[in-house]
PDB file of N, CA and C in Angstrom:
ATOM      1  N   UNK A   1      15.701  40.157  40.959  1.00  0.00           N
ATOM      2  CA  UNK A   1      15.240  40.585  39.657  1.00  0.00           C
ATOM      3  C   UNK A   1      13.747  40.877  39.775  1.00  0.00           C
ATOM      4  N   UNK A   2      13.321  42.035  39.292  1.00  0.00           N
ATOM      5  CA  UNK A   2      11.908  42.378  39.367  1.00  0.00           C
ATOM      6  C   UNK A   2      11.062  41.409  38.533  1.00  0.00           C
ATOM      7  N   UNK A   3       9.824  41.251  38.966  1.00  0.00           N
ATOM      8  CA  UNK A   3       8.894  40.336  38.300  1.00  0.00           C
ATOM      9  C   UNK A   3       8.733  40.694  36.823  1.00  0.00           C
ATOM     10  N   UNK A   4       8.759  41.968  36.509  1.00  0.00           N
ATOM     11  CA  UNK A   4       8.621  42.433  35.127  1.00  0.00           C
ATOM     12  C   UNK A   4       9.726  41.846  34.260  1.00  0.00           C
ATOM     13  N   UNK A   5      10.965  41.847  34.762  1.00  0.00           N
ATOM     14  CA  UNK A   5      12.101  41.317  34.001  1.00  0.00           C
ATOM     15  C   UNK A   5      12.002  39.804  33.837  1.00  0.00           C
ATOM     16  N   UNK A   6      11.515  39.118  34.857  1.00  0.00           N
ATOM     17  CA  UNK A   6      11.350  37.666  34.787  1.00  0.00           C
ATOM     18  C   UNK A   6      10.319  37.323  33.707  1.00  0.00           C
ATOM     19  N   UNK A   7       9.226  38.069  33.666  1.00  0.00           N
ATOM     20  CA  UNK A   7       8.181  37.828  32.657  1.00  0.00           C
ATOM     21  C   UNK A   7       8.713  38.073  31.256  1.00  0.00           C
ATOM     22  N   UNK A   8       9.447  39.144  31.082  1.00  0.00           N
ATOM     23  CA  UNK A   8      10.012  39.455  29.764  1.00  0.00           C
ATOM     24  C   UNK A   8      11.004  38.364  29.355  1.00  0.00           C
ATOM     25  N   UNK A   9      11.854  37.952  30.275  1.00  0.00           N
ATOM     26  CA  UNK A   9      12.827  36.901  29.973  1.00  0.00           C
ATOM     27  C   UNK A   9      12.119  35.602  29.595  1.00  0.00           C
ATOM     28  N   UNK A  10      11.065  35.285  30.322  1.00  0.00           N
ATOM     29  CA  UNK A  10      10.308  34.070  30.041  1.00  0.00           C
ATOM     30  C   UNK A  10       9.683  34.134  28.644  1.00  0.00           C
ATOM     31  N   UNK A  11       9.108  35.264  28.283  1.00  0.00           N
ATOM     32  CA  UNK A  11       8.479  35.438  26.968  1.00  0.00           C
ATOM     33  C   UNK A  11       9.526  35.346  25.865  1.00  0.00           C
ATOM     34  N   UNK A  12      10.659  36.029  26.046  1.00  0.00           N
ATOM     35  CA  UNK A  12      11.711  35.986  25.031  1.00  0.00           C
ATOM     36  C   UNK A  12      12.278  34.575  24.870  1.00  0.00           C
ATOM     37  N   UNK A  13      12.483  33.889  25.987  1.00  0.00           N
ATOM     38  CA  UNK A  13      12.977  32.516  25.913  1.00  0.00           C
ATOM     39  C   UNK A  13      11.980  31.635  25.154  1.00  0.00           C
ATOM     40  N   UNK A  14      10.706  31.826  25.443  1.00  0.00           N
ATOM     41  CA  UNK A  14       9.669  31.043  24.765  1.00  0.00           C
ATOM     42  C   UNK A  14       9.652  31.304  23.273  1.00  0.00           C
ATOM     43  N   UNK A  15       9.865  32.566  22.875  1.00  0.00           N
ATOM     44  CA  UNK A  15       9.877  32.893  21.450  1.00  0.00           C
ATOM     45  C   UNK A  15      11.083  32.277  20.760  1.00  0.00           C
ATOM     46  N   UNK A  16      12.239  32.303  21.400  1.00  0.00           N
ATOM     47  CA  UNK A  16      13.442  31.764  20.786  1.00  0.00           C
ATOM     48  C   UNK A  16      13.441  30.241  20.744  1.00  0.00           C
ATOM     49  N   UNK A  17      12.784  29.643  21.690  1.00  0.00           N
ATOM     50  CA  UNK A  17      12.807  28.186  21.740  1.00  0.00           C
ATOM     51  C   UNK A  17      11.729  27.545  20.878  1.00  0.00           C
ATOM     52  N   UNK A  18      10.829  28.368  20.332  1.00  0.00           N
ATOM     53  CA  UNK A  18       9.780  27.815  19.489  1.00  0.00           C
ATOM     54  C   UNK A  18      10.353  27.405  18.147  1.00  0.00           C
ATOM     55  N   UNK A  19       9.799  26.361  17.627  1.00  0.00           N
ATOM     56  CA  UNK A  19      10.177  25.952  16.286  1.00  0.00           C
ATOM     57  C   UNK A  19       8.903  25.800  15.478  1.00  0.00           C
ATOM     58  N   UNK A  20       9.079  25.721  14.199  1.00  0.00           N
ATOM     59  CA  UNK A  20       7.937  25.581  13.317  1.00  0.00           C
ATOM     60  C   UNK A  20       7.322  24.204  13.494  1.00  0.00           C
ATOM     61  N   UNK A  21       6.031  24.166  13.618  1.00  0.00           N
ATOM     62  CA  UNK A  21       5.351  22.882  13.776  1.00  0.00           C
ATOM     63  C   UNK A  21       5.416  22.110  12.474  1.00  0.00           C
ATOM     64  N   UNK A  22       5.694  20.853  12.575  1.00  0.00           N
ATOM     65  CA  UNK A  22       5.729  19.977  11.420  1.00  0.00           C
ATOM     66  C   UNK A  22       4.630  18.946  11.601  1.00  0.00           C
ATOM     67  N   UNK A  23       3.727  18.934  10.661  1.00  0.00           N
ATOM     68  CA  UNK A  23       2.647  17.959  10.710  1.00  0.00           C
ATOM     69  C   UNK A  23       3.037  16.817   9.800  1.00  0.00           C
ATOM     70  N   UNK A  24       3.254  15.677  10.406  1.00  0.00           N
ATOM     71  CA  UNK A  24       3.662  14.532   9.613  1.00  0.00           C
ATOM     72  C   UNK A  24       2.438  13.828   9.076  1.00  0.00           C
ATOM     73  N   UNK A  25       2.581  13.335   7.859  1.00  0.00           N
ATOM     74  CA  UNK A  25       1.498  12.584   7.257  1.00  0.00           C
ATOM     75  C   UNK A  25       1.347  11.252   7.959  1.00  0.00           C
ATOM     76  N   UNK A  26       0.148  10.743   7.888  1.00  0.00           N
ATOM     77  CA  UNK A  26      -0.138   9.451   8.473  1.00  0.00           C
ATOM     78  C   UNK A  26       0.642   8.377   7.717  1.00  0.00           C
ATOM     79  N   UNK A  27       0.967   7.325   8.425  1.00  0.00           N
ATOM     80  CA  UNK A  27       1.655   6.209   7.776  1.00  0.00           C
ATOM     81  C   UNK A  27       0.675   5.490   6.872  1.00  0.00           C
ATOM     82  N   UNK A  28       1.142   5.128   5.704  1.00  0.00           N
ATOM     83  CA  UNK A  28       0.307   4.362   4.796  1.00  0.00           C
ATOM     84  C   UNK A  28       1.080   3.144   4.339  1.00  0.00           C
ATOM     85  N   UNK A  29       0.356   2.106   4.063  1.00  0.00           N
ATOM     86  CA  UNK A  29       0.973   0.886   3.546  1.00  0.00           C
ATOM     87  C   UNK A  29       1.271   1.093   2.072  1.00  0.00           C
ATOM     88  N   UNK A  30       2.325   0.468   1.583  1.00  0.00           N
ATOM     89  CA  UNK A  30       2.630   0.586   0.154  1.00  0.00           C
ATOM     90  C   UNK A  30       1.465   0.054  -0.687  1.00  0.00           C
ATOM     91  N   UNK A  31       1.231   0.693  -1.808  1.00  0.00           N
ATOM     92  CA  UNK A  31       0.174   0.267  -2.712  1.00  0.00           C
ATOM     93  C   UNK A  31       0.747  -0.816  -3.613  1.00  0.00           C
ATOM     94  N   UNK A  32       0.164  -1.982  -3.565  1.00  0.00           N
ATOM     95  CA  UNK A  32       0.691  -3.089  -4.374  1.00  0.00           C
ATOM     96  C   UNK A  32      -0.178  -3.377  -5.599  1.00  0.00           C
ATOM     97  N   UNK A  33      -1.460  -3.028  -5.538  1.00  0.00           N
ATOM     98  CA  UNK A  33      -2.325  -3.244  -6.680  1.00  0.00           C
ATOM     99  C   UNK A  33      -2.062  -2.177  -7.739  1.00  0.00           C
ATOM    100  N   UNK A  34      -2.417  -2.486  -8.973  1.00  0.00           N
ATOM    101  CA  UNK A  34      -2.331  -1.503 -10.043  1.00  0.00           C
ATOM    102  C   UNK A  34      -3.362  -0.412  -9.781  1.00  0.00           C
ATOM    103  N   UNK A  35      -2.950   0.823  -9.926  1.00  0.00           N
ATOM    104  CA  UNK A  35      -3.848   1.964  -9.758  1.00  0.00           C
ATOM    105  C   UNK A  35      -4.283   2.410 -11.151  1.00  0.00           C
ATOM    106  N   UNK A  36      -5.584   2.522 -11.339  1.00  0.00           N
ATOM    107  CA  UNK A  36      -6.106   2.976 -12.622  1.00  0.00           C
ATOM    108  C   UNK A  36      -6.948   4.236 -12.419  1.00  0.00           C
ATOM    109  N   UNK A  37      -7.180   4.914 -13.513  1.00  0.00           N
ATOM    110  CA  UNK A  37      -7.970   6.142 -13.444  1.00  0.00           C
ATOM    111  C   UNK A  37      -9.373   5.850 -12.922  1.00  0.00           C
ATOM    112  N   UNK A  38     -10.018   4.857 -13.520  1.00  0.00           N
ATOM    113  CA  UNK A  38     -11.357   4.433 -13.063  1.00  0.00           C
ATOM    114  C   UNK A  38     -11.191   3.224 -12.178  1.00  0.00           C
ATOM    115  N   UNK A  39     -11.513   3.215 -10.934  1.00  0.00           N
ATOM    116  CA  UNK A  39     -12.151   4.267 -10.149  1.00  0.00           C
ATOM    117  C   UNK A  39     -11.181   5.038  -9.265  1.00  0.00           C
ATOM    118  N   UNK A  40      -9.909   4.645  -9.191  1.00  0.00           N
ATOM    119  CA  UNK A  40      -8.988   5.197  -8.184  1.00  0.00           C
ATOM    120  C   UNK A  40      -8.741   6.697  -8.319  1.00  0.00           C
ATOM    121  N   UNK A  41      -8.147   7.114  -9.423  1.00  0.00           N
ATOM    122  CA  UNK A  41      -7.756   8.517  -9.597  1.00  0.00           C
ATOM    123  C   UNK A  41      -8.984   9.405  -9.784  1.00  0.00           C
ATOM    124  N   UNK A  42      -9.952   8.951 -10.561  1.00  0.00           N
ATOM    125  CA  UNK A  42     -11.161   9.741 -10.798  1.00  0.00           C
ATOM    126  C   UNK A  42     -11.867  10.069  -9.482  1.00  0.00           C
ATOM    127  N   UNK A  43     -11.901   9.119  -8.554  1.00  0.00           N
ATOM    128  CA  UNK A  43     -12.544   9.365  -7.259  1.00  0.00           C
ATOM    129  C   UNK A  43     -11.831  10.484  -6.497  1.00  0.00           C
ATOM    130  N   UNK A  44     -10.514  10.517  -6.543  1.00  0.00           N
ATOM    131  CA  UNK A  44      -9.745  11.573  -5.865  1.00  0.00           C
ATOM    132  C   UNK A  44      -9.988  12.910  -6.553  1.00  0.00           C
ATOM    133  N   UNK A  45      -9.921  12.920  -7.882  1.00  0.00           N
ATOM    134  CA  UNK A  45     -10.159  14.156  -8.635  1.00  0.00           C
ATOM    135  C   UNK A  45     -11.562  14.678  -8.355  1.00  0.00           C
ATOM    136  N   UNK A  46     -12.554  13.778  -8.378  1.00  0.00           N
ATOM    137  CA  UNK A  46     -13.932  14.200  -8.103  1.00  0.00           C
ATOM    138  C   UNK A  46     -14.078  14.762  -6.688  1.00  0.00           C
ATOM    139  N   UNK A  47     -13.348  14.212  -5.751  1.00  0.00           N
ATOM    140  CA  UNK A  47     -13.449  14.640  -4.358  1.00  0.00           C
ATOM    141  C   UNK A  47     -12.710  15.948  -4.076  1.00  0.00           C
ATOM    142  N   UNK A  48     -11.537  16.126  -4.670  1.00  0.00           N
ATOM    143  CA  UNK A  48     -10.684  17.265  -4.302  1.00  0.00           C
ATOM    144  C   UNK A  48     -10.509  18.337  -5.383  1.00  0.00           C
ATOM    145  N   UNK A  49     -10.748  18.020  -6.649  1.00  0.00           N
ATOM    146  CA  UNK A  49     -10.327  18.920  -7.724  1.00  0.00           C
ATOM    147  C   UNK A  49     -11.451  19.471  -8.599  1.00  0.00           C
ATOM    148  N   UNK A  50     -12.444  18.646  -8.869  1.00  0.00           N
ATOM    149  CA  UNK A  50     -13.403  18.960  -9.929  1.00  0.00           C
ATOM    150  C   UNK A  50     -14.248  20.200  -9.646  1.00  0.00           C
ATOM    151  N   UNK A  51     -14.445  20.560  -8.385  1.00  0.00           N
ATOM    152  CA  UNK A  51     -15.226  21.769  -8.082  1.00  0.00           C
ATOM    153  C   UNK A  51     -14.605  23.015  -8.702  1.00  0.00           C
ATOM    154  N   UNK A  52     -13.288  23.051  -8.757  1.00  0.00           N
ATOM    155  CA  UNK A  52     -12.603  24.219  -9.319  1.00  0.00           C
ATOM    156  C   UNK A  52     -12.049  23.971 -10.719  1.00  0.00           C
ATOM    157  N   UNK A  53     -11.871  22.718 -11.083  1.00  0.00           N
ATOM    158  CA  UNK A  53     -11.203  22.403 -12.350  1.00  0.00           C
ATOM    159  C   UNK A  53     -12.061  21.518 -13.249  1.00  0.00           C
ATOM    160  N   UNK A  54     -13.273  21.979 -13.516  1.00  0.00           N
ATOM    161  CA  UNK A  54     -14.132  21.262 -14.455  1.00  0.00           C
ATOM    162  C   UNK A  54     -14.337  22.132 -15.685  1.00  0.00           C
ATOM    163  N   UNK A  55     -14.951  21.555 -16.680  1.00  0.00           N
ATOM    164  CA  UNK A  55     -15.159  22.275 -17.935  1.00  0.00           C
ATOM    165  C   UNK A  55     -15.870  23.605 -17.720  1.00  0.00           C
ATOM    166  N   UNK A  56     -16.860  23.616 -16.837  1.00  0.00           N
ATOM    167  CA  UNK A  56     -17.619  24.846 -16.617  1.00  0.00           C
ATOM    168  C   UNK A  56     -16.917  25.822 -15.684  1.00  0.00           C
ATOM    169  N   UNK A  57     -15.916  25.363 -14.940  1.00  0.00           N
ATOM    170  CA  UNK A  57     -15.217  26.237 -13.988  1.00  0.00           C
ATOM    171  C   UNK A  57     -13.743  25.880 -13.935  1.00  0.00           C
ATOM    172  N   UNK A  58     -13.080  25.939 -15.064  1.00  0.00           N
ATOM    173  CA  UNK A  58     -11.683  25.533 -15.141  1.00  0.00           C
ATOM    174  C   UNK A  58     -10.766  26.622 -14.581  1.00  0.00           C
ATOM    175  N   UNK A  59     -10.619  26.628 -13.273  1.00  0.00           N
ATOM    176  CA  UNK A  59      -9.775  27.611 -12.594  1.00  0.00           C
ATOM    177  C   UNK A  59      -8.350  27.525 -13.128  1.00  0.00           C
ATOM    178  N   UNK A  60      -7.789  28.671 -13.426  1.00  0.00           N
ATOM    179  CA  UNK A  60      -6.436  28.719 -13.962  1.00  0.00           C
ATOM    180  C   UNK A  60      -6.313  28.062 -15.321  1.00  0.00           C
ATOM    181  N   UNK A  61      -7.438  27.831 -15.974  1.00  0.00           N
ATOM    182  CA  UNK A  61      -7.420  27.186 -17.281  1.00  0.00           C
ATOM    183  C   UNK A  61      -7.157  25.691 -17.217  1.00  0.00           C
ATOM    184  N   UNK A  62      -7.160  25.119 -16.004  1.00  0.00           N
ATOM    185  CA  UNK A  62      -6.882  23.689 -15.842  1.00  0.00           C
ATOM    186  C   UNK A  62      -8.182  22.921 -15.702  1.00  0.00           C
ATOM    187  N   UNK A  63      -8.494  22.144 -16.722  1.00  0.00           N
ATOM    188  CA  UNK A  63      -9.687  21.317 -16.733  1.00  0.00           C
ATOM    189  C   UNK A  63      -9.268  19.876 -16.435  1.00  0.00           C
ATOM    190  N   UNK A  64      -9.829  19.298 -15.392  1.00  0.00           N
ATOM    191  CA  UNK A  64      -9.496  17.930 -14.993  1.00  0.00           C
ATOM    192  C   UNK A  64     -10.725  17.018 -15.068  1.00  0.00           C
ATOM    193  N   UNK A  65     -11.580  17.270 -16.044  1.00  0.00           N
ATOM    194  CA  UNK A  65     -12.851  16.548 -16.097  1.00  0.00           C
ATOM    195  C   UNK A  65     -12.809  15.228 -16.856  1.00  0.00           C
ATOM    196  N   UNK A  66     -11.691  14.893 -17.500  1.00  0.00           N
ATOM    197  CA  UNK A  66     -11.615  13.629 -18.236  1.00  0.00           C
ATOM    198  C   UNK A  66     -10.280  12.931 -17.965  1.00  0.00           C
ATOM    199  N   UNK A  67     -10.242  11.660 -18.286  1.00  0.00           N
ATOM    200  CA  UNK A  67      -9.009  10.884 -18.161  1.00  0.00           C
ATOM    201  C   UNK A  67      -7.864  11.563 -18.917  1.00  0.00           C
ATOM    202  N   UNK A  68      -8.097  11.912 -20.193  1.00  0.00           N
ATOM    203  CA  UNK A  68      -7.033  12.499 -21.011  1.00  0.00           C
ATOM    204  C   UNK A  68      -6.499  13.800 -20.416  1.00  0.00           C
ATOM    205  N   UNK A  69      -7.392  14.628 -19.883  1.00  0.00           N
ATOM    206  CA  UNK A  69      -6.964  15.902 -19.308  1.00  0.00           C
ATOM    207  C   UNK A  69      -6.166  15.703 -18.020  1.00  0.00           C
ATOM    208  N   UNK A  70      -6.596  14.765 -17.172  1.00  0.00           N
ATOM    209  CA  UNK A  70      -5.866  14.484 -15.936  1.00  0.00           C
ATOM    210  C   UNK A  70      -4.509  13.867 -16.261  1.00  0.00           C
ATOM    211  N   UNK A  71      -4.492  12.931 -17.186  1.00  0.00           N
ATOM    212  CA  UNK A  71      -3.219  12.309 -17.568  1.00  0.00           C
ATOM    213  C   UNK A  71      -2.257  13.347 -18.127  1.00  0.00           C
ATOM    214  N   UNK A  72      -2.736  14.213 -19.019  1.00  0.00           N
ATOM    215  CA  UNK A  72      -1.873  15.232 -19.602  1.00  0.00           C
ATOM    216  C   UNK A  72      -1.309  16.161 -18.538  1.00  0.00           C
ATOM    217  N   UNK A  73      -2.138  16.574 -17.601  1.00  0.00           N
ATOM    218  CA  UNK A  73      -1.668  17.469 -16.541  1.00  0.00           C
ATOM    219  C   UNK A  73      -0.683  16.768 -15.610  1.00  0.00           C
ATOM    220  N   UNK A  74      -0.856  15.470 -15.441  1.00  0.00           N
ATOM    221  CA  UNK A  74       0.059  14.698 -14.601  1.00  0.00           C
ATOM    222  C   UNK A  74       1.382  14.449 -15.332  1.00  0.00           C
ATOM    223  N   UNK A  75       1.276  14.100 -16.592  1.00  0.00           N
ATOM    224  CA  UNK A  75       2.443  13.735 -17.397  1.00  0.00           C
ATOM    225  C   UNK A  75       3.234  14.947 -17.877  1.00  0.00           C
ATOM    226  N   UNK A  76       2.545  15.987 -18.313  1.00  0.00           N
ATOM    227  CA  UNK A  76       3.195  17.131 -18.954  1.00  0.00           C
ATOM    228  C   UNK A  76       3.060  18.435 -18.175  1.00  0.00           C
ATOM    229  N   UNK A  77       2.273  18.426 -17.131  1.00  0.00           N
ATOM    230  CA  UNK A  77       2.059  19.637 -16.344  1.00  0.00           C
ATOM    231  C   UNK A  77       2.672  19.495 -14.966  1.00  0.00           C
ATOM    232  N   UNK A  78       2.127  20.225 -14.032  1.00  0.00           N
ATOM    233  CA  UNK A  78       2.690  20.213 -12.682  1.00  0.00           C
ATOM    234  C   UNK A  78       1.707  19.703 -11.631  1.00  0.00           C
ATOM    235  N   UNK A  79       0.761  18.864 -12.037  1.00  0.00           N
ATOM    236  CA  UNK A  79      -0.246  18.379 -11.104  1.00  0.00           C
ATOM    237  C   UNK A  79       0.373  17.670  -9.905  1.00  0.00           C
ATOM    238  N   UNK A  80       1.317  16.781 -10.130  1.00  0.00           N
ATOM    239  CA  UNK A  80       1.958  16.050  -9.032  1.00  0.00           C
ATOM    240  C   UNK A  80       2.678  17.019  -8.087  1.00  0.00           C
ATOM    241  N   UNK A  81       3.358  17.991  -8.648  1.00  0.00           N
ATOM    242  CA  UNK A  81       4.048  18.972  -7.800  1.00  0.00           C
ATOM    243  C   UNK A  81       3.068  19.761  -6.951  1.00  0.00           C
ATOM    244  N   UNK A  82       1.967  20.192  -7.546  1.00  0.00           N
ATOM    245  CA  UNK A  82       1.003  21.025  -6.820  1.00  0.00           C
ATOM    246  C   UNK A  82       0.273  20.260  -5.724  1.00  0.00           C
ATOM    247  N   UNK A  83      -0.055  18.987  -5.967  1.00  0.00           N
ATOM    248  CA  UNK A  83      -0.771  18.257  -4.921  1.00  0.00           C
ATOM    249  C   UNK A  83       0.147  17.897  -3.759  1.00  0.00           C
ATOM    250  N   UNK A  84       1.464  18.059  -3.950  1.00  0.00           N
ATOM    251  CA  UNK A  84       2.432  17.779  -2.890  1.00  0.00           C
ATOM    252  C   UNK A  84       3.096  19.036  -2.338  1.00  0.00           C
ATOM    253  N   UNK A  85       2.726  20.204  -2.822  1.00  0.00           N
ATOM    254  CA  UNK A  85       3.361  21.470  -2.435  1.00  0.00           C
ATOM    255  C   UNK A  85       2.730  22.024  -1.155  1.00  0.00           C
ATOM    256  N   UNK A  86       3.456  21.959  -0.062  1.00  0.00           N
ATOM    257  CA  UNK A  86       2.959  22.438   1.233  1.00  0.00           C
ATOM    258  C   UNK A  86       2.708  23.942   1.200  1.00  0.00           C
ATOM    259  N   UNK A  87       3.525  24.688   0.481  1.00  0.00           N
ATOM    260  CA  UNK A  87       3.412  26.146   0.461  1.00  0.00           C
ATOM    261  C   UNK A  87       2.354  26.662  -0.506  1.00  0.00           C
ATOM    262  N   UNK A  88       2.021  25.888  -1.531  1.00  0.00           N
ATOM    263  CA  UNK A  88       1.037  26.305  -2.524  1.00  0.00           C
ATOM    264  C   UNK A  88       0.242  25.076  -2.963  1.00  0.00           C
ATOM    265  N   UNK A  89      -0.492  24.482  -2.020  1.00  0.00           N
ATOM    266  CA  UNK A  89      -1.111  23.180  -2.299  1.00  0.00           C
ATOM    267  C   UNK A  89      -2.358  23.257  -3.164  1.00  0.00           C
ATOM    268  N   UNK A  90      -2.631  22.160  -3.789  1.00  0.00           N
ATOM    269  CA  UNK A  90      -3.910  21.919  -4.437  1.00  0.00           C
ATOM    270  C   UNK A  90      -4.464  20.668  -3.805  1.00  0.00           C
ATOM    271  N   UNK A  91      -5.637  20.731  -3.266  1.00  0.00           N
ATOM    272  CA  UNK A  91      -6.531  21.879  -3.258  1.00  0.00           C
ATOM    273  C   UNK A  91      -5.994  22.994  -2.357  1.00  0.00           C
ATOM    274  N   UNK A  92      -6.473  24.186  -2.576  1.00  0.00           N
ATOM    275  CA  UNK A  92      -5.974  25.348  -1.837  1.00  0.00           C
ATOM    276  C   UNK A  92      -6.264  25.268  -0.349  1.00  0.00           C
ATOM    277  N   UNK A  93      -7.223  24.457   0.046  1.00  0.00           N
ATOM    278  CA  UNK A  93      -7.551  24.326   1.464  1.00  0.00           C
ATOM    279  C   UNK A  93      -6.494  23.545   2.234  1.00  0.00           C
ATOM    280  N   UNK A  94      -5.572  22.912   1.531  1.00  0.00           N
ATOM    281  CA  UNK A  94      -4.498  22.160   2.165  1.00  0.00           C
ATOM    282  C   UNK A  94      -4.275  20.842   1.460  1.00  0.00           C
ATOM    283  N   UNK A  95      -3.176  20.221   1.787  1.00  0.00           N
ATOM    284  CA  UNK A  95      -2.828  18.967   1.126  1.00  0.00           C
ATOM    285  C   UNK A  95      -3.909  17.915   1.327  1.00  0.00           C
ATOM    286  N   UNK A  96      -4.171  17.177   0.271  1.00  0.00           N
ATOM    287  CA  UNK A  96      -5.072  16.039   0.403  1.00  0.00           C
ATOM    288  C   UNK A  96      -4.328  14.951   1.169  1.00  0.00           C
ATOM    289  N   UNK A  97      -5.027  13.974   1.701  1.00  0.00           N
ATOM    290  CA  UNK A  97      -4.358  12.922   2.473  1.00  0.00           C
ATOM    291  C   UNK A  97      -3.236  12.235   1.684  1.00  0.00           C
ATOM    292  N   UNK A  98      -2.216  11.825   2.400  1.00  0.00           N
ATOM    293  CA  UNK A  98      -1.064  11.171   1.790  1.00  0.00           C
ATOM    294  C   UNK A  98      -1.475   9.965   0.954  1.00  0.00           C
ATOM    295  N   UNK A  99      -2.411   9.183   1.432  1.00  0.00           N
ATOM    296  CA  UNK A  99      -2.839   7.987   0.695  1.00  0.00           C
ATOM    297  C   UNK A  99      -3.365   8.363  -0.695  1.00  0.00           C
ATOM    298  N   UNK A 100      -4.078   9.467  -0.794  1.00  0.00           N
ATOM    299  CA  UNK A 100      -4.593   9.904  -2.091  1.00  0.00           C
ATOM    300  C   UNK A 100      -3.473  10.409  -2.990  1.00  0.00           C
ATOM    301  N   UNK A 101      -2.515  11.115  -2.418  1.00  0.00           N
ATOM    302  CA  UNK A 101      -1.379  11.597  -3.217  1.00  0.00           C
ATOM    303  C   UNK A 101      -0.519  10.434  -3.695  1.00  0.00           C
ATOM    304  N   UNK A 102      -0.398   9.405  -2.862  1.00  0.00           N
ATOM    305  CA  UNK A 102       0.367   8.234  -3.261  1.00  0.00           C
ATOM    306  C   UNK A 102      -0.309   7.459  -4.387  1.00  0.00           C
ATOM    307  N   UNK A 103      -1.637   7.544  -4.474  1.00  0.00           N
ATOM    308  CA  UNK A 103      -2.333   6.923  -5.603  1.00  0.00           C
ATOM    309  C   UNK A 103      -1.851   7.515  -6.922  1.00  0.00           C
ATOM    310  N   UNK A 104      -1.677   8.825  -6.962  1.00  0.00           N
ATOM    311  CA  UNK A 104      -1.181   9.470  -8.181  1.00  0.00           C
ATOM    312  C   UNK A 104       0.217   8.961  -8.532  1.00  0.00           C
ATOM    313  N   UNK A 105       1.088   8.862  -7.543  1.00  0.00           N
ATOM    314  CA  UNK A 105       2.448   8.364  -7.794  1.00  0.00           C
ATOM    315  C   UNK A 105       2.420   6.950  -8.357  1.00  0.00           C
ATOM    316  N   UNK A 106       1.579   6.106  -7.778  1.00  0.00           N
ATOM    317  CA  UNK A 106       1.480   4.716  -8.237  1.00  0.00           C
ATOM    318  C   UNK A 106       0.856   4.653  -9.625  1.00  0.00           C
ATOM    319  N   UNK A 107      -0.105   5.523  -9.902  1.00  0.00           N
ATOM    320  CA  UNK A 107      -0.719   5.587 -11.225  1.00  0.00           C
ATOM    321  C   UNK A 107       0.328   5.919 -12.284  1.00  0.00           C
ATOM    322  N   UNK A 108       1.203   6.871 -11.998  1.00  0.00           N
ATOM    323  CA  UNK A 108       2.298   7.215 -12.906  1.00  0.00           C
ATOM    324  C   UNK A 108       3.210   5.999 -13.087  1.00  0.00           C
ATOM    325  N   UNK A 109       3.589   5.397 -11.977  1.00  0.00           N
ATOM    326  CA  UNK A 109       4.469   4.223 -12.003  1.00  0.00           C
ATOM    327  C   UNK A 109       3.845   3.078 -12.821  1.00  0.00           C
ATOM    328  N   UNK A 110       2.536   2.923 -12.727  1.00  0.00           N
ATOM    329  CA  UNK A 110       1.842   1.851 -13.430  1.00  0.00           C
ATOM    330  C   UNK A 110       1.596   2.166 -14.910  1.00  0.00           C
ATOM    331  N   UNK A 111       1.920   3.374 -15.347  1.00  0.00           N
ATOM    332  CA  UNK A 111       1.783   3.716 -16.760  1.00  0.00           C
ATOM    333  C   UNK A 111       0.455   4.335 -17.148  1.00  0.00           C
ATOM    334  N   UNK A 112      -0.247   4.958 -16.214  1.00  0.00           N
ATOM    335  CA  UNK A 112      -1.495   5.692 -16.463  1.00  0.00           C
ATOM    336  C   UNK A 112      -2.637   4.813 -16.999  1.00  0.00           C
ATOM    337  N   UNK A 113      -2.860   3.617 -16.466  1.00  0.00           N
ATOM    338  CA  UNK A 113      -3.983   2.842 -16.988  1.00  0.00           C
ATOM    339  C   UNK A 113      -5.308   3.555 -16.723  1.00  0.00           C
ATOM    340  N   UNK A 114      -6.214   3.417 -17.685  1.00  0.00           N
ATOM    341  CA  UNK A 114      -7.514   4.077 -17.547  1.00  0.00           C
ATOM    342  C   UNK A 114      -8.508   3.220 -16.792  1.00  0.00           C
ATOM    343  N   UNK A 115      -8.478   1.919 -17.029  1.00  0.00           N
ATOM    344  CA  UNK A 115      -9.437   1.016 -16.409  1.00  0.00           C
ATOM    345  C   UNK A 115      -8.716  -0.122 -15.710  1.00  0.00           C
ATOM    346  N   UNK A 116      -9.426  -0.794 -14.823  1.00  0.00           N
ATOM    347  CA  UNK A 116      -8.837  -1.902 -14.058  1.00  0.00           C
ATOM    348  C   UNK A 116      -8.350  -3.044 -14.943  1.00  0.00           C
ATOM    349  N   UNK A 117      -8.950  -3.227 -16.098  1.00  0.00           N
ATOM    350  CA  UNK A 117      -8.615  -4.361 -16.937  1.00  0.00           C
ATOM    351  C   UNK A 117      -7.454  -4.118 -17.891  1.00  0.00           C
ATOM    352  N   UNK A 118      -6.767  -3.022 -17.751  1.00  0.00           N
ATOM    353  CA  UNK A 118      -5.630  -2.729 -18.648  1.00  0.00           C
ATOM    354  C   UNK A 118      -4.339  -3.267 -18.080  1.00  0.00           C
TER     355      UNK A 118
END
């Protein structure tokens, strides 16, 4: 078999044998403490969301600058879906770390407390 055919066969085999890379999230320990907006959720929002979703720059009309606005978007909007959406993530630069996304889930489970003392 000519070298040209071997190279083509090798390239085609490589293309067919490739699969989509899956990036697995880091393992995290279950969150056992109550998660509250101050300081847990607010810190994540300030770090990943507020640059695009604040009162002065509410991208897509979504303002996440207060407890009530974040809670409403989590409870009645699609915030949880978007922060977990691999194909259309928020932030747009890519999924935030799993530990931060799990804080939102625990906050929902805990009933959306605003402060640690609730």
